[in-house]
Amino acid sequence: MKIFLISDNVDTQTGLRLAGIDGVVVHERNELKNALESVLLNKEVAIILITEKLSFEFPEIIDDIKLHRNEPLLVTIPDRHGLGRKSDFITSYVEDAIGLKL
């Protein structure tokens, strides 16, 4: 079982590469489609990590894979820019989970 990263950021790729996770950096729709098609053919890849920015810029590509494929698991991860979350998202998450204001 392998994990593969598709990122829009070289810093994210470098950090995960240090953890032993291979990946590619893409910036455009065609690059993302080609990277996904390539990794989907590799049966050893069980998890694909994709950065939030790519997920938000090209939701139709990501949603299509999530809806029509059982494998591999496609996980959206934040990068160092943290586009999709407000600054206190952890506190909000805990408050919602336990029902108390912290």
PDB file of N, CA and C in Angstrom:
ATOM      1  N   MET A   1       0.841  -1.177   0.000  1.00  0.00           N
ATOM      2  CA  MET A   1       0.000   0.000   0.000  1.00  0.00           C
ATOM      3  C   MET A   1       0.889   1.243   0.000  1.00  0.00           C
ATOM      4  N   LYS A   2       0.634   2.120  -0.942  1.00  0.00           N
ATOM      5  CA  LYS A   2       1.405   3.354  -1.041  1.00  0.00           C
ATOM      6  C   LYS A   2       0.484   4.562  -0.943  1.00  0.00           C
ATOM      7  N   ILE A   3       1.082   5.687  -0.555  1.00  0.00           N
ATOM      8  CA  ILE A   3       0.404   6.973  -0.523  1.00  0.00           C
ATOM      9  C   ILE A   3       1.072   7.848  -1.573  1.00  0.00           C
ATOM     10  N   PHE A   4       0.269   8.623  -2.288  1.00  0.00           N
ATOM     11  CA  PHE A   4       0.794   9.499  -3.330  1.00  0.00           C
ATOM     12  C   PHE A   4       0.202  10.886  -3.147  1.00  0.00           C
ATOM     13  N   LEU A   5       1.012  11.916  -3.337  1.00  0.00           N
ATOM     14  CA  LEU A   5       0.591  13.306  -3.167  1.00  0.00           C
ATOM     15  C   LEU A   5       0.482  14.005  -4.516  1.00  0.00           C
ATOM     16  N   ILE A   6      -0.614  14.744  -4.684  1.00  0.00           N
ATOM     17  CA  ILE A   6      -0.740  15.673  -5.806  1.00  0.00           C
ATOM     18  C   ILE A   6      -0.917  17.048  -5.178  1.00  0.00           C
ATOM     19  N   SER A   7       0.062  17.916  -5.392  1.00  0.00           N
ATOM     20  CA  SER A   7       0.117  19.196  -4.713  1.00  0.00           C
ATOM     21  C   SER A   7       0.266  20.341  -5.692  1.00  0.00           C
ATOM     22  N   ASP A   8      -0.128  21.521  -5.246  1.00  0.00           N
ATOM     23  CA  ASP A   8       0.113  22.731  -6.028  1.00  0.00           C
ATOM     24  C   ASP A   8       1.317  23.492  -5.467  1.00  0.00           C
ATOM     25  N   ASN A   9       1.969  22.914  -4.473  1.00  0.00           N
ATOM     26  CA  ASN A   9       2.988  23.627  -3.724  1.00  0.00           C
ATOM     27  C   ASN A   9       4.228  22.757  -3.547  1.00  0.00           C
ATOM     28  N   VAL A  10       5.381  23.265  -3.915  1.00  0.00           N
ATOM     29  CA  VAL A  10       6.630  22.512  -3.794  1.00  0.00           C
ATOM     30  C   VAL A  10       6.973  22.253  -2.327  1.00  0.00           C
ATOM     31  N   ASP A  11       6.631  23.191  -1.444  1.00  0.00           N
ATOM     32  CA  ASP A  11       6.926  23.007  -0.017  1.00  0.00           C
ATOM     33  C   ASP A  11       6.192  21.799   0.560  1.00  0.00           C
ATOM     34  N   THR A  12       4.937  21.638   0.182  1.00  0.00           N
ATOM     35  CA  THR A  12       4.154  20.494   0.657  1.00  0.00           C
ATOM     36  C   THR A  12       4.753  19.198   0.117  1.00  0.00           C
ATOM     37  N   GLN A  13       5.108  19.202  -1.147  1.00  0.00           N
ATOM     38  CA  GLN A  13       5.711  18.007  -1.732  1.00  0.00           C
ATOM     39  C   GLN A  13       7.027  17.663  -1.041  1.00  0.00           C
ATOM     40  N   THR A  14       7.849  18.663  -0.774  1.00  0.00           N
ATOM     41  CA  THR A  14       9.137  18.429  -0.124  1.00  0.00           C
ATOM     42  C   THR A  14       8.947  17.856   1.276  1.00  0.00           C
ATOM     43  N   GLY A  15       8.029  18.430   2.039  1.00  0.00           N
ATOM     44  CA  GLY A  15       7.773  17.941   3.389  1.00  0.00           C
ATOM     45  C   GLY A  15       7.301  16.507   3.407  1.00  0.00           C
ATOM     46  N   LEU A  16       6.387  16.170   2.536  1.00  0.00           N
ATOM     47  CA  LEU A  16       5.880  14.799   2.502  1.00  0.00           C
ATOM     48  C   LEU A  16       6.892  13.847   1.889  1.00  0.00           C
ATOM     49  N   ARG A  17       7.727  14.356   1.010  1.00  0.00           N
ATOM     50  CA  ARG A  17       8.796  13.509   0.451  1.00  0.00           C
ATOM     51  C   ARG A  17       9.770  13.097   1.546  1.00  0.00           C
ATOM     52  N   LEU A  18      10.020  14.003   2.489  1.00  0.00           N
ATOM     53  CA  LEU A  18      10.880  13.673   3.631  1.00  0.00           C
ATOM     54  C   LEU A  18      10.257  12.568   4.500  1.00  0.00           C
ATOM     55  N   ALA A  19       8.938  12.451   4.445  1.00  0.00           N
ATOM     56  CA  ALA A  19       8.240  11.391   5.179  1.00  0.00           C
ATOM     57  C   ALA A  19       8.098  10.121   4.349  1.00  0.00           C
ATOM     58  N   GLY A  20       8.666  10.115   3.125  1.00  0.00           N
ATOM     59  CA  GLY A  20       8.639   8.921   2.298  1.00  0.00           C
ATOM     60  C   GLY A  20       7.464   8.830   1.342  1.00  0.00           C
ATOM     61  N   ILE A  21       6.740   9.937   1.145  1.00  0.00           N
ATOM     62  CA  ILE A  21       5.574   9.935   0.263  1.00  0.00           C
ATOM     63  C   ILE A  21       5.950  10.586  -1.064  1.00  0.00           C
ATOM     64  N   ASP A  22       5.791   9.831  -2.147  1.00  0.00           N
ATOM     65  CA  ASP A  22       6.064  10.364  -3.481  1.00  0.00           C
ATOM     66  C   ASP A  22       4.930  11.282  -3.908  1.00  0.00           C
ATOM     67  N   GLY A  23       5.224  12.145  -4.858  1.00  0.00           N
ATOM     68  CA  GLY A  23       4.178  13.025  -5.339  1.00  0.00           C
ATOM     69  C   GLY A  23       4.622  13.876  -6.504  1.00  0.00           C
ATOM     70  N   VAL A  24       3.683  14.667  -7.002  1.00  0.00           N
ATOM     71  CA  VAL A  24       3.939  15.595  -8.092  1.00  0.00           C
ATOM     72  C   VAL A  24       3.346  16.954  -7.745  1.00  0.00           C
ATOM     73  N   VAL A  25       3.874  17.976  -8.403  1.00  0.00           N
ATOM     74  CA  VAL A  25       3.342  19.332  -8.263  1.00  0.00           C
ATOM     75  C   VAL A  25       2.671  19.697  -9.586  1.00  0.00           C
ATOM     76  N   VAL A  26       1.419  20.135  -9.492  1.00  0.00           N
ATOM     77  CA  VAL A  26       0.662  20.534 -10.681  1.00  0.00           C
ATOM     78  C   VAL A  26       0.030  21.895 -10.430  1.00  0.00           C
ATOM     79  N   HIS A  27      -0.277  22.605 -11.520  1.00  0.00           N
ATOM     80  CA  HIS A  27      -0.879  23.926 -11.381  1.00  0.00           C
ATOM     81  C   HIS A  27      -2.094  24.125 -12.289  1.00  0.00           C
ATOM     82  N   GLU A  28      -2.228  23.322 -13.311  1.00  0.00           N
ATOM     83  CA  GLU A  28      -3.305  23.518 -14.269  1.00  0.00           C
ATOM     84  C   GLU A  28      -4.187  22.280 -14.362  1.00  0.00           C
ATOM     85  N   ARG A  29      -5.384  22.481 -14.910  1.00  0.00           N
ATOM     86  CA  ARG A  29      -6.383  21.408 -15.022  1.00  0.00           C
ATOM     87  C   ARG A  29      -5.828  20.179 -15.740  1.00  0.00           C
ATOM     88  N   ASN A  30      -5.189  20.371 -16.878  1.00  0.00           N
ATOM     89  CA  ASN A  30      -4.674  19.228 -17.638  1.00  0.00           C
ATOM     90  C   ASN A  30      -3.590  18.489 -16.868  1.00  0.00           C
ATOM     91  N   GLU A  31      -2.745  19.219 -16.170  1.00  0.00           N
ATOM     92  CA  GLU A  31      -1.709  18.577 -15.360  1.00  0.00           C
ATOM     93  C   GLU A  31      -2.339  17.723 -14.263  1.00  0.00           C
ATOM     94  N   LEU A  32      -3.392  18.249 -13.625  1.00  0.00           N
ATOM     95  CA  LEU A  32      -4.078  17.495 -12.571  1.00  0.00           C
ATOM     96  C   LEU A  32      -4.729  16.240 -13.149  1.00  0.00           C
ATOM     97  N   LYS A  33      -5.425  16.372 -14.270  1.00  0.00           N
ATOM     98  CA  LYS A  33      -6.072  15.207 -14.887  1.00  0.00           C
ATOM     99  C   LYS A  33      -5.050  14.143 -15.268  1.00  0.00           C
ATOM    100  N   ASN A  34      -3.935  14.564 -15.867  1.00  0.00           N
ATOM    101  CA  ASN A  34      -2.899  13.601 -16.253  1.00  0.00           C
ATOM    102  C   ASN A  34      -2.282  12.920 -15.040  1.00  0.00           C
ATOM    103  N   ALA A  35      -2.032  13.672 -13.978  1.00  0.00           N
ATOM    104  CA  ALA A  35      -1.454  13.090 -12.755  1.00  0.00           C
ATOM    105  C   ALA A  35      -2.417  12.083 -12.143  1.00  0.00           C
ATOM    106  N   LEU A  36      -3.702  12.439 -12.086  1.00  0.00           N
ATOM    107  CA  LEU A  36      -4.693  11.520 -11.513  1.00  0.00           C
ATOM    108  C   LEU A  36      -4.844  10.268 -12.362  1.00  0.00           C
ATOM    109  N   GLU A  37      -4.907  10.424 -13.677  1.00  0.00           N
ATOM    110  CA  GLU A  37      -5.026   9.252 -14.550  1.00  0.00           C
ATOM    111  C   GLU A  37      -3.844   8.321 -14.374  1.00  0.00           C
ATOM    112  N   SER A  38      -2.670   8.889 -14.247  1.00  0.00           N
ATOM    113  CA  SER A  38      -1.463   8.084 -14.070  1.00  0.00           C
ATOM    114  C   SER A  38      -1.472   7.328 -12.743  1.00  0.00           C
ATOM    115  N   VAL A  39      -1.809   8.020 -11.673  1.00  0.00           N
ATOM    116  CA  VAL A  39      -1.770   7.374 -10.356  1.00  0.00           C
ATOM    117  C   VAL A  39      -2.922   6.378 -10.185  1.00  0.00           C
ATOM    118  N   LEU A  40      -4.046   6.622 -10.840  1.00  0.00           N
ATOM    119  CA  LEU A  40      -5.167   5.684 -10.736  1.00  0.00           C
ATOM    120  C   LEU A  40      -4.858   4.350 -11.411  1.00  0.00           C
ATOM    121  N   LEU A  41      -3.930   4.350 -12.347  1.00  0.00           N
ATOM    122  CA  LEU A  41      -3.521   3.102 -12.996  1.00  0.00           C
ATOM    123  C   LEU A  41      -2.595   2.257 -12.113  1.00  0.00           C
ATOM    124  N   ASN A  42      -1.967   2.885 -11.142  1.00  0.00           N
ATOM    125  CA  ASN A  42      -1.041   2.192 -10.249  1.00  0.00           C
ATOM    126  C   ASN A  42      -1.826   1.531  -9.117  1.00  0.00           C
ATOM    127  N   LYS A  43      -1.953   0.224  -9.155  1.00  0.00           N
ATOM    128  CA  LYS A  43      -2.747  -0.513  -8.168  1.00  0.00           C
ATOM    129  C   LYS A  43      -2.098  -0.556  -6.780  1.00  0.00           C
ATOM    130  N   GLU A  44      -0.837  -0.174  -6.681  1.00  0.00           N
ATOM    131  CA  GLU A  44      -0.161  -0.144  -5.381  1.00  0.00           C
ATOM    132  C   GLU A  44      -0.566   1.072  -4.557  1.00  0.00           C
ATOM    133  N   VAL A  45      -1.076   2.121  -5.197  1.00  0.00           N
ATOM    134  CA  VAL A  45      -1.465   3.340  -4.492  1.00  0.00           C
ATOM    135  C   VAL A  45      -2.847   3.154  -3.885  1.00  0.00           C
ATOM    136  N   ALA A  46      -2.903   3.251  -2.555  1.00  0.00           N
ATOM    137  CA  ALA A  46      -4.166   3.084  -1.842  1.00  0.00           C
ATOM    138  C   ALA A  46      -4.761   4.415  -1.396  1.00  0.00           C
ATOM    139  N   ILE A  47      -3.916   5.433  -1.236  1.00  0.00           N
ATOM    140  CA  ILE A  47      -4.375   6.740  -0.779  1.00  0.00           C
ATOM    141  C   ILE A  47      -3.733   7.825  -1.650  1.00  0.00           C
ATOM    142  N   ILE A  48      -4.564   8.725  -2.141  1.00  0.00           N
ATOM    143  CA  ILE A  48      -4.072   9.886  -2.868  1.00  0.00           C
ATOM    144  C   ILE A  48      -4.361  11.112  -2.015  1.00  0.00           C
ATOM    145  N   LEU A  49      -3.316  11.853  -1.695  1.00  0.00           N
ATOM    146  CA  LEU A  49      -3.465  13.110  -0.971  1.00  0.00           C
ATOM    147  C   LEU A  49      -3.485  14.236  -1.991  1.00  0.00           C
ATOM    148  N   ILE A  50      -4.414  15.168  -1.836  1.00  0.00           N
ATOM    149  CA  ILE A  50      -4.494  16.307  -2.743  1.00  0.00           C
ATOM    150  C   ILE A  50      -4.673  17.572  -1.914  1.00  0.00           C
ATOM    151  N   THR A  51      -3.962  18.619  -2.266  1.00  0.00           N
ATOM    152  CA  THR A  51      -4.025  19.843  -1.472  1.00  0.00           C
ATOM    153  C   THR A  51      -5.361  20.559  -1.652  1.00  0.00           C
ATOM    154  N   GLU A  52      -5.734  21.333  -0.625  1.00  0.00           N
ATOM    155  CA  GLU A  52      -7.007  22.050  -0.629  1.00  0.00           C
ATOM    156  C   GLU A  52      -7.173  22.959  -1.838  1.00  0.00           C
ATOM    157  N   LYS A  53      -6.128  23.655  -2.198  1.00  0.00           N
ATOM    158  CA  LYS A  53      -6.234  24.599  -3.308  1.00  0.00           C
ATOM    159  C   LYS A  53      -6.652  23.894  -4.594  1.00  0.00           C
ATOM    160  N   LEU A  54      -6.044  22.755  -4.888  1.00  0.00           N
ATOM    161  CA  LEU A  54      -6.430  22.003  -6.087  1.00  0.00           C
ATOM    162  C   LEU A  54      -7.853  21.488  -5.975  1.00  0.00           C
ATOM    163  N   SER A  55      -8.208  21.042  -4.794  1.00  0.00           N
ATOM    164  CA  SER A  55      -9.551  20.523  -4.569  1.00  0.00           C
ATOM    165  C   SER A  55     -10.610  21.612  -4.771  1.00  0.00           C
ATOM    166  N   PHE A  56     -10.300  22.836  -4.337  1.00  0.00           N
ATOM    167  CA  PHE A  56     -11.237  23.949  -4.496  1.00  0.00           C
ATOM    168  C   PHE A  56     -11.255  24.501  -5.919  1.00  0.00           C
ATOM    169  N   GLU A  57     -10.118  24.470  -6.612  1.00  0.00           N
ATOM    170  CA  GLU A  57     -10.058  25.000  -7.971  1.00  0.00           C
ATOM    171  C   GLU A  57     -10.698  24.071  -9.000  1.00  0.00           C
ATOM    172  N   PHE A  58     -10.601  22.763  -8.768  1.00  0.00           N
ATOM    173  CA  PHE A  58     -11.098  21.790  -9.743  1.00  0.00           C
ATOM    174  C   PHE A  58     -12.014  20.756  -9.065  1.00  0.00           C
ATOM    175  N   PRO A  59     -13.101  21.210  -8.446  1.00  0.00           N
ATOM    176  CA  PRO A  59     -13.959  20.269  -7.696  1.00  0.00           C
ATOM    177  C   PRO A  59     -14.607  19.200  -8.566  1.00  0.00           C
ATOM    178  N   GLU A  60     -14.891  19.527  -9.832  1.00  0.00           N
ATOM    179  CA  GLU A  60     -15.568  18.548 -10.685  1.00  0.00           C
ATOM    180  C   GLU A  60     -14.683  17.330 -10.946  1.00  0.00           C
ATOM    181  N   ILE A  61     -13.389  17.525 -11.050  1.00  0.00           N
ATOM    182  CA  ILE A  61     -12.464  16.409 -11.275  1.00  0.00           C
ATOM    183  C   ILE A  61     -12.400  15.538 -10.020  1.00  0.00           C
ATOM    184  N   ILE A  62     -12.261  16.181  -8.878  1.00  0.00           N
ATOM    185  CA  ILE A  62     -12.144  15.467  -7.607  1.00  0.00           C
ATOM    186  C   ILE A  62     -13.449  14.750  -7.274  1.00  0.00           C
ATOM    187  N   ASP A  63     -14.578  15.446  -7.425  1.00  0.00           N
ATOM    188  CA  ASP A  63     -15.877  14.847  -7.118  1.00  0.00           C
ATOM    189  C   ASP A  63     -16.174  13.650  -8.007  1.00  0.00           C
ATOM    190  N   ASP A  64     -15.786  13.725  -9.267  1.00  0.00           N
ATOM    191  CA  ASP A  64     -16.008  12.613 -10.192  1.00  0.00           C
ATOM    192  C   ASP A  64     -15.295  11.350  -9.702  1.00  0.00           C
ATOM    193  N   ILE A  65     -14.074  11.506  -9.253  1.00  0.00           N
ATOM    194  CA  ILE A  65     -13.322  10.349  -8.744  1.00  0.00           C
ATOM    195  C   ILE A  65     -13.946   9.825  -7.461  1.00  0.00           C
ATOM    196  N   LYS A  66     -14.308  10.724  -6.561  1.00  0.00           N
ATOM    197  CA  LYS A  66     -14.901  10.300  -5.292  1.00  0.00           C
ATOM    198  C   LYS A  66     -16.237   9.586  -5.495  1.00  0.00           C
ATOM    199  N   LEU A  67     -17.002  10.018  -6.478  1.00  0.00           N
ATOM    200  CA  LEU A  67     -18.318   9.423  -6.710  1.00  0.00           C
ATOM    201  C   LEU A  67     -18.275   8.118  -7.492  1.00  0.00           C
ATOM    202  N   HIS A  68     -17.301   7.947  -8.351  1.00  0.00           N
ATOM    203  CA  HIS A  68     -17.312   6.803  -9.264  1.00  0.00           C
ATOM    204  C   HIS A  68     -16.245   5.755  -8.999  1.00  0.00           C
ATOM    205  N   ARG A  69     -15.423   5.962  -8.000  1.00  0.00           N
ATOM    206  CA  ARG A  69     -14.358   4.987  -7.717  1.00  0.00           C
ATOM    207  C   ARG A  69     -14.342   4.657  -6.236  1.00  0.00           C
ATOM    208  N   ASN A  70     -14.207   3.385  -5.926  1.00  0.00           N
ATOM    209  CA  ASN A  70     -14.077   2.959  -4.532  1.00  0.00           C
ATOM    210  C   ASN A  70     -12.635   3.037  -4.055  1.00  0.00           C
ATOM    211  N   GLU A  71     -11.726   2.846  -4.963  1.00  0.00           N
ATOM    212  CA  GLU A  71     -10.305   2.862  -4.636  1.00  0.00           C
ATOM    213  C   GLU A  71      -9.573   3.693  -5.665  1.00  0.00           C
ATOM    214  N   PRO A  72      -8.547   4.338  -5.325  1.00  0.00           N
ATOM    215  CA  PRO A  72      -7.978   4.578  -4.008  1.00  0.00           C
ATOM    216  C   PRO A  72      -8.758   5.669  -3.257  1.00  0.00           C
ATOM    217  N   LEU A  73      -8.460   5.784  -1.977  1.00  0.00           N
ATOM    218  CA  LEU A  73      -9.066   6.814  -1.149  1.00  0.00           C
ATOM    219  C   LEU A  73      -8.455   8.158  -1.522  1.00  0.00           C
ATOM    220  N   LEU A  74      -9.286   9.148  -1.764  1.00  0.00           N
ATOM    221  CA  LEU A  74      -8.827  10.487  -2.127  1.00  0.00           C
ATOM    222  C   LEU A  74      -9.064  11.411  -0.940  1.00  0.00           C
ATOM    223  N   VAL A  75      -7.986  11.958  -0.387  1.00  0.00           N
ATOM    224  CA  VAL A  75      -8.059  12.774   0.827  1.00  0.00           C
ATOM    225  C   VAL A  75      -7.546  14.176   0.534  1.00  0.00           C
ATOM    226  N   THR A  76      -8.346  15.178   0.878  1.00  0.00           N
ATOM    227  CA  THR A  76      -7.928  16.568   0.736  1.00  0.00           C
ATOM    228  C   THR A  76      -7.192  16.979   2.001  1.00  0.00           C
ATOM    229  N   ILE A  77      -6.005  17.546   1.814  1.00  0.00           N
ATOM    230  CA  ILE A  77      -5.198  17.963   2.962  1.00  0.00           C
ATOM    231  C   ILE A  77      -4.913  19.463   2.872  1.00  0.00           C
ATOM    232  N   PRO A  78      -4.794  20.123   4.017  1.00  0.00           N
ATOM    233  CA  PRO A  78      -4.407  21.541   3.982  1.00  0.00           C
ATOM    234  C   PRO A  78      -2.927  21.663   3.684  1.00  0.00           C
ATOM    235  N   ASP A  79      -2.553  22.728   3.029  1.00  0.00           N
ATOM    236  CA  ASP A  79      -1.133  22.996   2.874  1.00  0.00           C
ATOM    237  C   ASP A  79      -0.779  24.155   3.797  1.00  0.00           C
ATOM    238  N   ARG A  80       0.392  24.678   3.665  1.00  0.00           N
ATOM    239  CA  ARG A  80       0.825  25.703   4.610  1.00  0.00           C
ATOM    240  C   ARG A  80       0.040  26.998   4.490  1.00  0.00           C
ATOM    241  N   HIS A  81      -0.681  27.188   3.386  1.00  0.00           N
ATOM    242  CA  HIS A  81      -1.476  28.396   3.216  1.00  0.00           C
ATOM    243  C   HIS A  81      -2.834  28.287   3.895  1.00  0.00           C
ATOM    244  N   GLY A  82      -3.315  27.081   4.140  1.00  0.00           N
ATOM    245  CA  GLY A  82      -4.561  26.863   4.862  1.00  0.00           C
ATOM    246  C   GLY A  82      -5.766  27.586   4.284  1.00  0.00           C
ATOM    247  N   LEU A  83      -6.034  27.418   3.019  1.00  0.00           N
ATOM    248  CA  LEU A  83      -7.087  28.161   2.342  1.00  0.00           C
ATOM    249  C   LEU A  83      -8.494  27.898   2.866  1.00  0.00           C
ATOM    250  N   GLY A  84      -8.787  26.679   3.233  1.00  0.00           N
ATOM    251  CA  GLY A  84     -10.171  26.315   3.482  1.00  0.00           C
ATOM    252  C   GLY A  84     -10.660  26.421   4.900  1.00  0.00           C
ATOM    253  N   ARG A  85      -9.849  26.881   5.799  1.00  0.00           N
ATOM    254  CA  ARG A  85     -10.261  26.889   7.196  1.00  0.00           C
ATOM    255  C   ARG A  85     -10.071  28.260   7.819  1.00  0.00           C
ATOM    256  N   LYS A  86     -10.955  28.565   8.760  1.00  0.00           N
ATOM    257  CA  LYS A  86     -10.758  29.795   9.513  1.00  0.00           C
ATOM    258  C   LYS A  86      -9.692  29.560  10.576  1.00  0.00           C
ATOM    259  N   SER A  87      -9.183  30.607  11.141  1.00  0.00           N
ATOM    260  CA  SER A  87      -8.025  30.497  12.031  1.00  0.00           C
ATOM    261  C   SER A  87      -8.296  29.685  13.293  1.00  0.00           C
ATOM    262  N   ASP A  88      -9.529  29.654  13.762  1.00  0.00           N
ATOM    263  CA  ASP A  88      -9.829  28.910  14.992  1.00  0.00           C
ATOM    264  C   ASP A  88     -10.625  27.637  14.716  1.00  0.00           C
ATOM    265  N   PHE A  89     -10.324  26.969  13.602  1.00  0.00           N
ATOM    266  CA  PHE A  89     -11.134  25.818  13.210  1.00  0.00           C
ATOM    267  C   PHE A  89     -11.058  24.673  14.213  1.00  0.00           C
ATOM    268  N   ILE A  90      -9.930  24.506  14.896  1.00  0.00           N
ATOM    269  CA  ILE A  90      -9.815  23.420  15.870  1.00  0.00           C
ATOM    270  C   ILE A  90     -10.721  23.697  17.067  1.00  0.00           C
ATOM    271  N   THR A  91     -10.704  24.922  17.566  1.00  0.00           N
ATOM    272  CA  THR A  91     -11.575  25.290  18.679  1.00  0.00           C
ATOM    273  C   THR A  91     -13.037  25.124  18.292  1.00  0.00           C
ATOM    274  N   SER A  92     -13.403  25.567  17.116  1.00  0.00           N
ATOM    275  CA  SER A  92     -14.784  25.420  16.646  1.00  0.00           C
ATOM    276  C   SER A  92     -15.179  23.954  16.539  1.00  0.00           C
ATOM    277  N   TYR A  93     -14.274  23.138  16.045  1.00  0.00           N
ATOM    278  CA  TYR A  93     -14.539  21.707  15.909  1.00  0.00           C
ATOM    279  C   TYR A  93     -14.790  21.067  17.270  1.00  0.00           C
ATOM    280  N   VAL A  94     -13.954  21.391  18.263  1.00  0.00           N
ATOM    281  CA  VAL A  94     -14.114  20.833  19.603  1.00  0.00           C
ATOM    282  C   VAL A  94     -15.401  21.334  20.230  1.00  0.00           C
ATOM    283  N   GLU A  95     -15.703  22.628  20.084  1.00  0.00           N
ATOM    284  CA  GLU A  95     -16.954  23.184  20.623  1.00  0.00           C
ATOM    285  C   GLU A  95     -18.165  22.483  20.034  1.00  0.00           C
ATOM    286  N   ASP A  96     -18.153  22.253  18.739  1.00  0.00           N
ATOM    287  CA  ASP A  96     -19.274  21.564  18.087  1.00  0.00           C
ATOM    288  C   ASP A  96     -19.376  20.121  18.561  1.00  0.00           C
ATOM    289  N   ALA A  97     -18.231  19.482  18.775  1.00  0.00           N
ATOM    290  CA  ALA A  97     -18.230  18.083  19.174  1.00  0.00           C
ATOM    291  C   ALA A  97     -18.741  17.870  20.581  1.00  0.00           C
ATOM    292  N   ILE A  98     -18.367  18.749  21.503  1.00  0.00           N
ATOM    293  CA  ILE A  98     -18.773  18.549  22.902  1.00  0.00           C
ATOM    294  C   ILE A  98     -19.962  19.398  23.315  1.00  0.00           C
ATOM    295  N   GLY A  99     -20.332  20.367  22.493  1.00  0.00           N
ATOM    296  CA  GLY A  99     -21.501  21.189  22.777  1.00  0.00           C
ATOM    297  C   GLY A  99     -21.259  22.264  23.816  1.00  0.00           C
ATOM    298  N   LEU A 100     -20.032  22.604  24.099  1.00  0.00           N
ATOM    299  CA  LEU A 100     -19.701  23.649  25.056  1.00  0.00           C
ATOM    300  C   LEU A 100     -18.822  24.702  24.416  1.00  0.00           C
ATOM    301  N   LYS A 101     -19.042  25.948  24.826  1.00  0.00           N
ATOM    302  CA  LYS A 101     -18.186  27.026  24.318  1.00  0.00           C
ATOM    303  C   LYS A 101     -16.916  27.070  25.146  1.00  0.00           C
ATOM    304  N   LEU A 102     -15.774  27.049  24.463  1.00  0.00           N
ATOM    305  CA  LEU A 102     -14.485  27.082  25.158  1.00  0.00           C
ATOM    306  C   LEU A 102     -13.954  28.488  25.260  1.00  0.00           C
TER     307      LEU A 102
END
